[in-house]
Amino acid sequence: MTTNLLMCKPDFFKVSYEINPWMHVYNKVNEKVALEQWETVVQNLENLNVKIDLIEQDKNLPDEVFTANFGVAFNKKFLASNFKYEERQPEKTEAIEWFQKNTDYDVVELPEKFEFEGKGDMLYSKNTAVIANGYRTSDEAINHIKNIFPEFKKYVRVKLINPNFYHLDTCFSFLNEKTIMFYPEAFEKEQAQQFYEITENVIEISKEDAEYFACNNVTVKNKILLNKASQDLQDKLNSYGFEPIFCPTSEFMKAGGSIRCMVLDLD
């Protein structure tokens, strides 16, 4: 269960380059609205008794607000990301320095030749971890990750095939140990069938909800924070006992991210 998260206040958030299909430098971020949206997410998380730690944003790193991509922090180990694109690579140093200064986590790094973008492409619940490759994480990295985190008894590999959903967390989420949600068209069909083998409840979402970034959510107990959802998806979530809390993230979606992208679990 989410109880402690690392976030980054969007002091210098903007779209100044294009590294995914959502990013267009002419589509300017409204900085005031972005800050208000971020503060709404924080307030809702704090209302659910989630502790928020902050890393100060470097003015030259506009995507640093997406702390999920820093790496994976689990069981007192922090596995730092190897970002694919040069524009984001300095975030690795920022993240490592923060963990060394503010936590007792052991910092672990992959060989530089292996691309890996943290909780953007690796999500887990209890003993099961799902890792995606295809756009930002290399298949070769996965074997190393399994050795770093042997705590997960089951690893599920999937390949992303839709560039609009370039990270796993844009099209898949664990809502709890028994329930997952995913967008089928983002994955190779045969591989997506694995999702039905790892949990009891599976919610497939529509293209409409996928483009709302409904999978890019944060769940705390039975509350699910998300940007937006169709009535059909709301009804499905309600039927499994979840209560949606809507936190609009229109400004962050201009950079290809939403609520889950803004947080890194420190549990």
C-alpha atoms as a PDB file:
ATOM      1  CA  MET A   1       0.000   0.000   0.000  1.00  0.00           C
ATOM      2  CA  THR A   2       1.250   3.487  -0.877  1.00  0.00           C
ATOM      3  CA  THR A   3       2.273   5.373   2.290  1.00  0.00           C
ATOM      4  CA  ASN A   4       5.384   7.368   1.336  1.00  0.00           C
ATOM      5  CA  LEU A   5       6.120   9.010  -2.007  1.00  0.00           C
ATOM      6  CA  LEU A   6       8.865  11.124  -3.543  1.00  0.00           C
ATOM      7  CA  MET A   7       7.610  14.051  -5.614  1.00  0.00           C
ATOM      8  CA  CYS A   8       9.051  17.128  -7.307  1.00  0.00           C
ATOM      9  CA  LYS A   9       7.307  20.491  -7.301  1.00  0.00           C
ATOM     10  CA  PRO A  10       6.961  21.783 -10.894  1.00  0.00           C
ATOM     11  CA  ASP A  11       8.949  24.978 -10.431  1.00  0.00           C
ATOM     12  CA  PHE A  12      10.525  24.700 -13.886  1.00  0.00           C
ATOM     13  CA  PHE A  13       8.162  22.329 -15.664  1.00  0.00           C
ATOM     14  CA  LYS A  14       7.656  22.940 -19.384  1.00  0.00           C
ATOM     15  CA  VAL A  15       7.811  21.184 -22.739  1.00  0.00           C
ATOM     16  CA  SER A  16      11.124  22.236 -24.226  1.00  0.00           C
ATOM     17  CA  TYR A  17      11.890  19.145 -26.318  1.00  0.00           C
ATOM     18  CA  GLU A  18      10.027  16.227 -27.899  1.00  0.00           C
ATOM     19  CA  ILE A  19      10.830  12.661 -26.832  1.00  0.00           C
ATOM     20  CA  ASN A  20       7.372  11.061 -26.977  1.00  0.00           C
ATOM     21  CA  PRO A  21       4.266  11.513 -29.169  1.00  0.00           C
ATOM     22  CA  TRP A  22       2.502  13.667 -26.566  1.00  0.00           C
ATOM     23  CA  MET A  23       5.204  16.330 -26.496  1.00  0.00           C
ATOM     24  CA  HIS A  24       5.054  19.329 -28.838  1.00  0.00           C
ATOM     25  CA  VAL A  25       7.165  22.363 -28.075  1.00  0.00           C
ATOM     26  CA  TYR A  26       4.462  24.659 -29.481  1.00  0.00           C
ATOM     27  CA  ASN A  27       1.934  23.271 -26.960  1.00  0.00           C
ATOM     28  CA  LYS A  28       2.988  25.476 -24.080  1.00  0.00           C
ATOM     29  CA  VAL A  29       2.451  24.477 -20.460  1.00  0.00           C
ATOM     30  CA  ASN A  30       0.363  26.853 -18.366  1.00  0.00           C
ATOM     31  CA  GLU A  31       2.720  27.009 -15.399  1.00  0.00           C
ATOM     32  CA  LYS A  32       0.109  28.383 -12.999  1.00  0.00           C
ATOM     33  CA  VAL A  33      -2.371  25.647 -13.838  1.00  0.00           C
ATOM     34  CA  ALA A  34       0.350  22.983 -13.662  1.00  0.00           C
ATOM     35  CA  LEU A  35       1.258  24.062 -10.144  1.00  0.00           C
ATOM     36  CA  GLU A  36      -2.398  24.069  -9.106  1.00  0.00           C
ATOM     37  CA  GLN A  37      -2.884  20.567 -10.539  1.00  0.00           C
ATOM     38  CA  TRP A  38       0.224  19.278  -8.769  1.00  0.00           C
ATOM     39  CA  GLU A  39      -0.891  20.807  -5.475  1.00  0.00           C
ATOM     40  CA  THR A  40      -4.299  19.153  -5.869  1.00  0.00           C
ATOM     41  CA  VAL A  41      -2.613  15.766  -6.230  1.00  0.00           C
ATOM     42  CA  VAL A  42      -0.465  16.429  -3.161  1.00  0.00           C
ATOM     43  CA  GLN A  43      -3.428  17.585  -1.095  1.00  0.00           C
ATOM     44  CA  ASN A  44      -5.464  14.519  -1.974  1.00  0.00           C
ATOM     45  CA  LEU A  45      -2.577  12.215  -1.129  1.00  0.00           C
ATOM     46  CA  GLU A  46      -1.968  13.926   2.192  1.00  0.00           C
ATOM     47  CA  ASN A  47      -5.687  13.676   2.968  1.00  0.00           C
ATOM     48  CA  LEU A  48      -5.200   9.902   2.636  1.00  0.00           C
ATOM     49  CA  ASN A  49      -2.288  10.025   5.120  1.00  0.00           C
ATOM     50  CA  VAL A  50       0.399   9.567   2.481  1.00  0.00           C
ATOM     51  CA  LYS A  51       3.755  11.079   3.452  1.00  0.00           C
ATOM     52  CA  ILE A  52       5.308  13.213   0.710  1.00  0.00           C
ATOM     53  CA  ASP A  53       9.054  13.759   0.417  1.00  0.00           C
ATOM     54  CA  LEU A  54      10.318  16.352  -2.048  1.00  0.00           C
ATOM     55  CA  ILE A  55      13.282  16.686  -4.338  1.00  0.00           C
ATOM     56  CA  GLU A  56      14.060  20.207  -5.544  1.00  0.00           C
ATOM     57  CA  GLN A  57      13.733  20.621  -9.292  1.00  0.00           C
ATOM     58  CA  ASP A  58      16.788  21.557 -11.319  1.00  0.00           C
ATOM     59  CA  LYS A  59      15.855  24.425 -13.638  1.00  0.00           C
ATOM     60  CA  ASN A  60      17.464  22.594 -16.558  1.00  0.00           C
ATOM     61  CA  LEU A  61      15.461  19.392 -16.054  1.00  0.00           C
ATOM     62  CA  PRO A  62      11.798  20.067 -16.907  1.00  0.00           C
ATOM     63  CA  ASP A  63      10.808  16.380 -16.732  1.00  0.00           C
ATOM     64  CA  GLU A  64      12.239  15.934 -13.239  1.00  0.00           C
ATOM     65  CA  VAL A  65       8.659  16.334 -11.994  1.00  0.00           C
ATOM     66  CA  PHE A  66       8.107  12.743 -13.185  1.00  0.00           C
ATOM     67  CA  THR A  67       9.953  11.118 -10.300  1.00  0.00           C
ATOM     68  CA  ALA A  68       8.580   7.659 -11.118  1.00  0.00           C
ATOM     69  CA  ASN A  69      11.240   7.460 -13.802  1.00  0.00           C
ATOM     70  CA  PHE A  70      14.127   7.955 -11.353  1.00  0.00           C
ATOM     71  CA  GLY A  71      14.328   4.227 -10.673  1.00  0.00           C
ATOM     72  CA  VAL A  72      12.855   1.634  -8.338  1.00  0.00           C
ATOM     73  CA  ALA A  73      13.030   1.993  -4.548  1.00  0.00           C
ATOM     74  CA  PHE A  74      12.168  -1.273  -2.861  1.00  0.00           C
ATOM     75  CA  ASN A  75      13.268  -3.150   0.248  1.00  0.00           C
ATOM     76  CA  LYS A  76      15.933  -0.567   1.099  1.00  0.00           C
ATOM     77  CA  LYS A  77      17.495  -0.712  -2.360  1.00  0.00           C
ATOM     78  CA  PHE A  78      17.324   2.039  -4.966  1.00  0.00           C
ATOM     79  CA  LEU A  79      17.948   0.886  -8.528  1.00  0.00           C
ATOM     80  CA  ALA A  80      18.730   4.000 -10.535  1.00  0.00           C
ATOM     81  CA  SER A  81      17.453   4.430 -14.083  1.00  0.00           C
ATOM     82  CA  ASN A  82      19.517   4.611 -17.242  1.00  0.00           C
ATOM     83  CA  PHE A  83      17.473   7.098 -19.242  1.00  0.00           C
ATOM     84  CA  LYS A  84      17.246   6.545 -22.980  1.00  0.00           C
ATOM     85  CA  TYR A  85      17.235  10.182 -24.006  1.00  0.00           C
ATOM     86  CA  GLU A  86      20.067  12.594 -23.374  1.00  0.00           C
ATOM     87  CA  GLU A  87      17.653  15.288 -22.184  1.00  0.00           C
ATOM     88  CA  ARG A  88      16.692  13.251 -19.119  1.00  0.00           C
ATOM     89  CA  GLN A  89      19.980  11.522 -18.327  1.00  0.00           C
ATOM     90  CA  PRO A  90      21.149  14.127 -15.758  1.00  0.00           C
ATOM     91  CA  GLU A  91      18.120  13.207 -13.628  1.00  0.00           C
ATOM     92  CA  LYS A  92      19.961  10.014 -12.664  1.00  0.00           C
ATOM     93  CA  THR A  93      22.635  11.964 -10.794  1.00  0.00           C
ATOM     94  CA  GLU A  94      19.994  14.091  -9.078  1.00  0.00           C
ATOM     95  CA  ALA A  95      18.107  11.003  -7.938  1.00  0.00           C
ATOM     96  CA  ILE A  96      21.161   9.139  -6.672  1.00  0.00           C
ATOM     97  CA  GLU A  97      22.329  12.165  -4.708  1.00  0.00           C
ATOM     98  CA  TRP A  98      18.898  12.563  -3.124  1.00  0.00           C
ATOM     99  CA  PHE A  99      18.771   8.932  -2.027  1.00  0.00           C
ATOM    100  CA  GLN A 100      22.307   9.033  -0.657  1.00  0.00           C
ATOM    101  CA  LYS A 101      21.609  12.195   1.321  1.00  0.00           C
ATOM    102  CA  ASN A 102      18.076  11.524   2.532  1.00  0.00           C
ATOM    103  CA  THR A 103      17.669   7.752   2.926  1.00  0.00           C
ATOM    104  CA  ASP A 104      19.460   4.628   4.101  1.00  0.00           C
ATOM    105  CA  TYR A 105      18.795   2.833   0.802  1.00  0.00           C
ATOM    106  CA  ASP A 106      21.635   1.037  -0.955  1.00  0.00           C
ATOM    107  CA  VAL A 107      22.081   2.611  -4.393  1.00  0.00           C
ATOM    108  CA  VAL A 108      22.431   0.116  -7.240  1.00  0.00           C
ATOM    109  CA  GLU A 109      23.201   0.840 -10.891  1.00  0.00           C
ATOM    110  CA  LEU A 110      22.831  -1.184 -14.067  1.00  0.00           C
ATOM    111  CA  PRO A 111      25.571  -1.294 -16.724  1.00  0.00           C
ATOM    112  CA  GLU A 112      25.267   1.912 -18.741  1.00  0.00           C
ATOM    113  CA  LYS A 113      24.522   0.042 -21.975  1.00  0.00           C
ATOM    114  CA  PHE A 114      21.187  -1.189 -20.608  1.00  0.00           C
ATOM    115  CA  GLU A 115      18.298   1.248 -20.803  1.00  0.00           C
ATOM    116  CA  PHE A 116      15.851   1.258 -17.917  1.00  0.00           C
ATOM    117  CA  GLU A 117      13.357   3.896 -16.818  1.00  0.00           C
ATOM    118  CA  GLY A 118      12.356   2.879 -13.321  1.00  0.00           C
ATOM    119  CA  LYS A 119       8.764   2.604 -12.238  1.00  0.00           C
ATOM    120  CA  GLY A 120       7.763   3.917 -15.624  1.00  0.00           C
ATOM    121  CA  ASP A 121       8.441   0.389 -16.889  1.00  0.00           C
ATOM    122  CA  MET A 122       8.431  -1.746 -13.728  1.00  0.00           C
ATOM    123  CA  LEU A 123       5.363  -2.094 -11.545  1.00  0.00           C
ATOM    124  CA  TYR A 124       4.759  -4.619  -8.815  1.00  0.00           C
ATOM    125  CA  SER A 125       2.424  -5.882  -6.145  1.00  0.00           C
ATOM    126  CA  LYS A 126       3.371  -8.278  -3.363  1.00  0.00           C
ATOM    127  CA  ASN A 127       5.462 -11.047  -5.003  1.00  0.00           C
ATOM    128  CA  THR A 128       4.841 -10.186  -8.662  1.00  0.00           C
ATOM    129  CA  ALA A 129       6.673  -7.657 -10.828  1.00  0.00           C
ATOM    130  CA  VAL A 130       5.683  -6.667 -14.369  1.00  0.00           C
ATOM    131  CA  ILE A 131       8.403  -5.197 -16.587  1.00  0.00           C
ATOM    132  CA  ALA A 132       7.899  -3.792 -20.081  1.00  0.00           C
ATOM    133  CA  ASN A 133      10.362  -3.223 -22.872  1.00  0.00           C
ATOM    134  CA  GLY A 134       9.879  -1.828 -26.325  1.00  0.00           C
ATOM    135  CA  TYR A 135      10.553   1.891 -26.069  1.00  0.00           C
ATOM    136  CA  ARG A 136      12.518   2.939 -22.966  1.00  0.00           C
ATOM    137  CA  THR A 137      13.723  -0.238 -21.243  1.00  0.00           C
ATOM    138  CA  SER A 138      15.932  -2.820 -22.948  1.00  0.00           C
ATOM    139  CA  ASP A 139      15.136  -6.492 -22.717  1.00  0.00           C
ATOM    140  CA  GLU A 140      18.694  -7.196 -21.571  1.00  0.00           C
ATOM    141  CA  ALA A 141      18.183  -5.064 -18.468  1.00  0.00           C
ATOM    142  CA  ILE A 142      15.475  -7.342 -17.153  1.00  0.00           C
ATOM    143  CA  ASN A 143      17.799 -10.243 -16.265  1.00  0.00           C
ATOM    144  CA  HIS A 144      19.941  -7.875 -14.198  1.00  0.00           C
ATOM    145  CA  ILE A 145      16.878  -6.482 -12.456  1.00  0.00           C
ATOM    146  CA  LYS A 146      15.751  -9.976 -11.474  1.00  0.00           C
ATOM    147  CA  ASN A 147      19.093 -10.489  -9.734  1.00  0.00           C
ATOM    148  CA  ILE A 148      18.846  -7.144  -7.935  1.00  0.00           C
ATOM    149  CA  PHE A 149      15.311  -7.797  -6.688  1.00  0.00           C
ATOM    150  CA  PRO A 150      15.041 -11.556  -6.037  1.00  0.00           C
ATOM    151  CA  GLU A 151      12.259 -10.702  -3.572  1.00  0.00           C
ATOM    152  CA  PHE A 152       9.784 -10.903  -6.440  1.00  0.00           C
ATOM    153  CA  LYS A 153       8.958 -14.555  -6.976  1.00  0.00           C
ATOM    154  CA  LYS A 154       7.327 -13.952 -10.346  1.00  0.00           C
ATOM    155  CA  TYR A 155       8.473 -11.672 -13.151  1.00  0.00           C
ATOM    156  CA  VAL A 156       6.166 -10.983 -16.076  1.00  0.00           C
ATOM    157  CA  ARG A 157       7.758  -9.578 -19.230  1.00  0.00           C
ATOM    158  CA  VAL A 158       5.623  -7.712 -21.738  1.00  0.00           C
ATOM    159  CA  LYS A 159       6.384  -5.702 -24.852  1.00  0.00           C
ATOM    160  CA  LEU A 160       4.860  -2.311 -25.588  1.00  0.00           C
ATOM    161  CA  ILE A 161       3.809  -1.786 -29.209  1.00  0.00           C
ATOM    162  CA  ASN A 162       1.958   1.548 -29.234  1.00  0.00           C
ATOM    163  CA  PRO A 163       4.265   4.609 -29.126  1.00  0.00           C
ATOM    164  CA  ASN A 164       1.567   6.694 -27.427  1.00  0.00           C
ATOM    165  CA  PHE A 165       1.971   4.360 -24.457  1.00  0.00           C
ATOM    166  CA  TYR A 166       5.733   4.310 -24.286  1.00  0.00           C
ATOM    167  CA  HIS A 167       5.968   3.414 -20.575  1.00  0.00           C
ATOM    168  CA  LEU A 168       4.220   0.574 -18.779  1.00  0.00           C
ATOM    169  CA  ASP A 169       2.633   2.953 -16.279  1.00  0.00           C
ATOM    170  CA  THR A 170       0.729   4.715 -19.059  1.00  0.00           C
ATOM    171  CA  CYS A 171      -1.235   1.577 -19.923  1.00  0.00           C
ATOM    172  CA  PHE A 172      -1.104  -0.788 -16.931  1.00  0.00           C
ATOM    173  CA  SER A 173      -1.577  -0.517 -13.182  1.00  0.00           C
ATOM    174  CA  PHE A 174      -1.915  -2.642 -10.085  1.00  0.00           C
ATOM    175  CA  LEU A 175      -4.907  -1.309  -8.168  1.00  0.00           C
ATOM    176  CA  ASN A 176      -4.296  -3.765  -5.344  1.00  0.00           C
ATOM    177  CA  GLU A 177      -3.026  -7.322  -4.929  1.00  0.00           C
ATOM    178  CA  LYS A 178      -6.145  -8.749  -6.547  1.00  0.00           C
ATOM    179  CA  THR A 179      -6.958  -6.185  -9.249  1.00  0.00           C
ATOM    180  CA  ILE A 180      -5.150  -4.805 -12.289  1.00  0.00           C
ATOM    181  CA  MET A 181      -6.165  -2.455 -15.075  1.00  0.00           C
ATOM    182  CA  PHE A 182      -4.685  -2.290 -18.564  1.00  0.00           C
ATOM    183  CA  TYR A 183      -5.199  -1.103 -22.130  1.00  0.00           C
ATOM    184  CA  PRO A 184      -5.004  -4.158 -24.443  1.00  0.00           C
ATOM    185  CA  GLU A 185      -3.958  -2.288 -27.600  1.00  0.00           C
ATOM    186  CA  ALA A 186      -0.703  -1.191 -25.963  1.00  0.00           C
ATOM    187  CA  PHE A 187       0.653  -4.745 -25.772  1.00  0.00           C
ATOM    188  CA  GLU A 188       1.385  -7.738 -27.928  1.00  0.00           C
ATOM    189  CA  LYS A 189      -1.801  -9.774 -27.627  1.00  0.00           C
ATOM    190  CA  GLU A 190      -0.211 -13.063 -26.560  1.00  0.00           C
ATOM    191  CA  GLN A 191       1.848 -11.375 -23.851  1.00  0.00           C
ATOM    192  CA  ALA A 192      -1.100  -9.433 -22.479  1.00  0.00           C
ATOM    193  CA  GLN A 193      -2.804 -12.737 -21.727  1.00  0.00           C
ATOM    194  CA  GLN A 194      -0.313 -13.127 -18.893  1.00  0.00           C
ATOM    195  CA  PHE A 195      -2.186 -10.469 -16.936  1.00  0.00           C
ATOM    196  CA  TYR A 196      -5.042 -12.893 -16.457  1.00  0.00           C
ATOM    197  CA  GLU A 197      -2.677 -15.354 -14.804  1.00  0.00           C
ATOM    198  CA  ILE A 198      -1.300 -13.081 -12.089  1.00  0.00           C
ATOM    199  CA  THR A 199      -4.415 -11.791 -10.383  1.00  0.00           C
ATOM    200  CA  GLU A 200      -8.099 -12.432  -9.781  1.00  0.00           C
ATOM    201  CA  ASN A 201      -9.639  -9.272 -11.254  1.00  0.00           C
ATOM    202  CA  VAL A 202      -8.675  -7.750 -14.598  1.00  0.00           C
ATOM    203  CA  ILE A 203     -10.147  -4.519 -15.942  1.00  0.00           C
ATOM    204  CA  GLU A 204      -9.588  -3.854 -19.636  1.00  0.00           C
ATOM    205  CA  ILE A 205     -10.015  -0.197 -20.518  1.00  0.00           C
ATOM    206  CA  SER A 206     -11.080   1.535 -23.721  1.00  0.00           C
ATOM    207  CA  LYS A 207      -8.999   3.716 -26.028  1.00  0.00           C
ATOM    208  CA  GLU A 208     -10.870   6.713 -24.615  1.00  0.00           C
ATOM    209  CA  ASP A 209      -9.856   5.922 -21.048  1.00  0.00           C
ATOM    210  CA  ALA A 210      -6.322   5.021 -22.103  1.00  0.00           C
ATOM    211  CA  GLU A 211      -5.958   8.462 -23.664  1.00  0.00           C
ATOM    212  CA  TYR A 212      -7.190   9.977 -20.400  1.00  0.00           C
ATOM    213  CA  PHE A 213      -4.186   8.165 -18.864  1.00  0.00           C
ATOM    214  CA  ALA A 214      -6.577   6.336 -16.553  1.00  0.00           C
ATOM    215  CA  CYS A 215      -3.959   3.652 -15.918  1.00  0.00           C
ATOM    216  CA  ASN A 216      -1.505   6.304 -14.760  1.00  0.00           C
ATOM    217  CA  ASN A 217      -3.113   6.416 -11.354  1.00  0.00           C
ATOM    218  CA  VAL A 218      -2.211   6.180  -7.680  1.00  0.00           C
ATOM    219  CA  THR A 219      -4.279   3.923  -5.450  1.00  0.00           C
ATOM    220  CA  VAL A 220      -4.409   4.273  -1.678  1.00  0.00           C
ATOM    221  CA  LYS A 221      -6.530   1.554  -0.079  1.00  0.00           C
ATOM    222  CA  ASN A 222      -9.786   1.799  -2.043  1.00  0.00           C
ATOM    223  CA  LYS A 223      -9.267   5.370  -3.275  1.00  0.00           C
ATOM    224  CA  ILE A 224      -7.913   5.779  -6.783  1.00  0.00           C
ATOM    225  CA  LEU A 225      -6.520   9.133  -7.903  1.00  0.00           C
ATOM    226  CA  LEU A 226      -6.705   9.590 -11.650  1.00  0.00           C
ATOM    227  CA  ASN A 227      -6.974  12.300 -14.268  1.00  0.00           C
ATOM    228  CA  LYS A 228     -10.312  11.295 -15.782  1.00  0.00           C
ATOM    229  CA  ALA A 229     -12.450   8.236 -16.543  1.00  0.00           C
ATOM    230  CA  SER A 230     -15.486   7.384 -18.616  1.00  0.00           C
ATOM    231  CA  GLN A 231     -18.711   6.483 -16.834  1.00  0.00           C
ATOM    232  CA  ASP A 232     -18.216   2.881 -17.906  1.00  0.00           C
ATOM    233  CA  LEU A 233     -14.811   2.727 -16.232  1.00  0.00           C
ATOM    234  CA  GLN A 234     -16.129   4.479 -13.140  1.00  0.00           C
ATOM    235  CA  ASP A 235     -18.838   1.839 -12.874  1.00  0.00           C
ATOM    236  CA  LYS A 236     -16.267  -0.963 -13.209  1.00  0.00           C
ATOM    237  CA  LEU A 237     -14.070   0.569 -10.533  1.00  0.00           C
ATOM    238  CA  ASN A 238     -17.053   0.969  -8.227  1.00  0.00           C
ATOM    239  CA  SER A 239     -18.018  -2.666  -8.770  1.00  0.00           C
ATOM    240  CA  TYR A 240     -14.613  -3.735  -7.443  1.00  0.00           C
ATOM    241  CA  GLY A 241     -14.922  -1.439  -4.441  1.00  0.00           C
ATOM    242  CA  PHE A 242     -12.799   1.482  -5.663  1.00  0.00           C
ATOM    243  CA  GLU A 243     -13.723   5.129  -5.288  1.00  0.00           C
ATOM    244  CA  PRO A 244     -12.297   7.404  -8.011  1.00  0.00           C
ATOM    245  CA  ILE A 245     -10.907  10.787  -6.992  1.00  0.00           C
ATOM    246  CA  PHE A 246     -10.403  12.998 -10.029  1.00  0.00           C
ATOM    247  CA  CYS A 247      -7.285  15.147 -10.163  1.00  0.00           C
ATOM    248  CA  PRO A 248      -6.989  16.789 -13.608  1.00  0.00           C
ATOM    249  CA  THR A 249      -3.505  16.647 -15.106  1.00  0.00           C
ATOM    250  CA  SER A 250      -3.988  18.305 -18.495  1.00  0.00           C
ATOM    251  CA  GLU A 251      -0.746  20.290 -18.257  1.00  0.00           C
ATOM    252  CA  PHE A 252       1.361  17.253 -17.384  1.00  0.00           C
ATOM    253  CA  MET A 253      -0.191  15.230 -20.175  1.00  0.00           C
ATOM    254  CA  LYS A 254       1.369  17.717 -22.577  1.00  0.00           C
ATOM    255  CA  ALA A 255       4.639  16.022 -21.599  1.00  0.00           C
ATOM    256  CA  GLY A 256       3.177  12.521 -21.687  1.00  0.00           C
ATOM    257  CA  GLY A 257       2.568  11.949 -17.981  1.00  0.00           C
ATOM    258  CA  SER A 258      -0.093  11.978 -15.314  1.00  0.00           C
ATOM    259  CA  ILE A 259      -0.412  11.163 -11.607  1.00  0.00           C
ATOM    260  CA  ARG A 260       1.551   7.909 -11.392  1.00  0.00           C
ATOM    261  CA  CYS A 261       4.408   9.539 -13.295  1.00  0.00           C
ATOM    262  CA  MET A 262       4.618  12.238 -10.610  1.00  0.00           C
ATOM    263  CA  VAL A 263       5.378   9.867  -7.743  1.00  0.00           C
ATOM    264  CA  LEU A 264       8.051   7.370  -6.743  1.00  0.00           C
ATOM    265  CA  ASP A 265       7.140   4.880  -4.038  1.00  0.00           C
ATOM    266  CA  LEU A 266       9.515   4.861  -1.088  1.00  0.00           C
ATOM    267  CA  ASP A 267       7.842   1.954   0.709  1.00  0.00           C
END
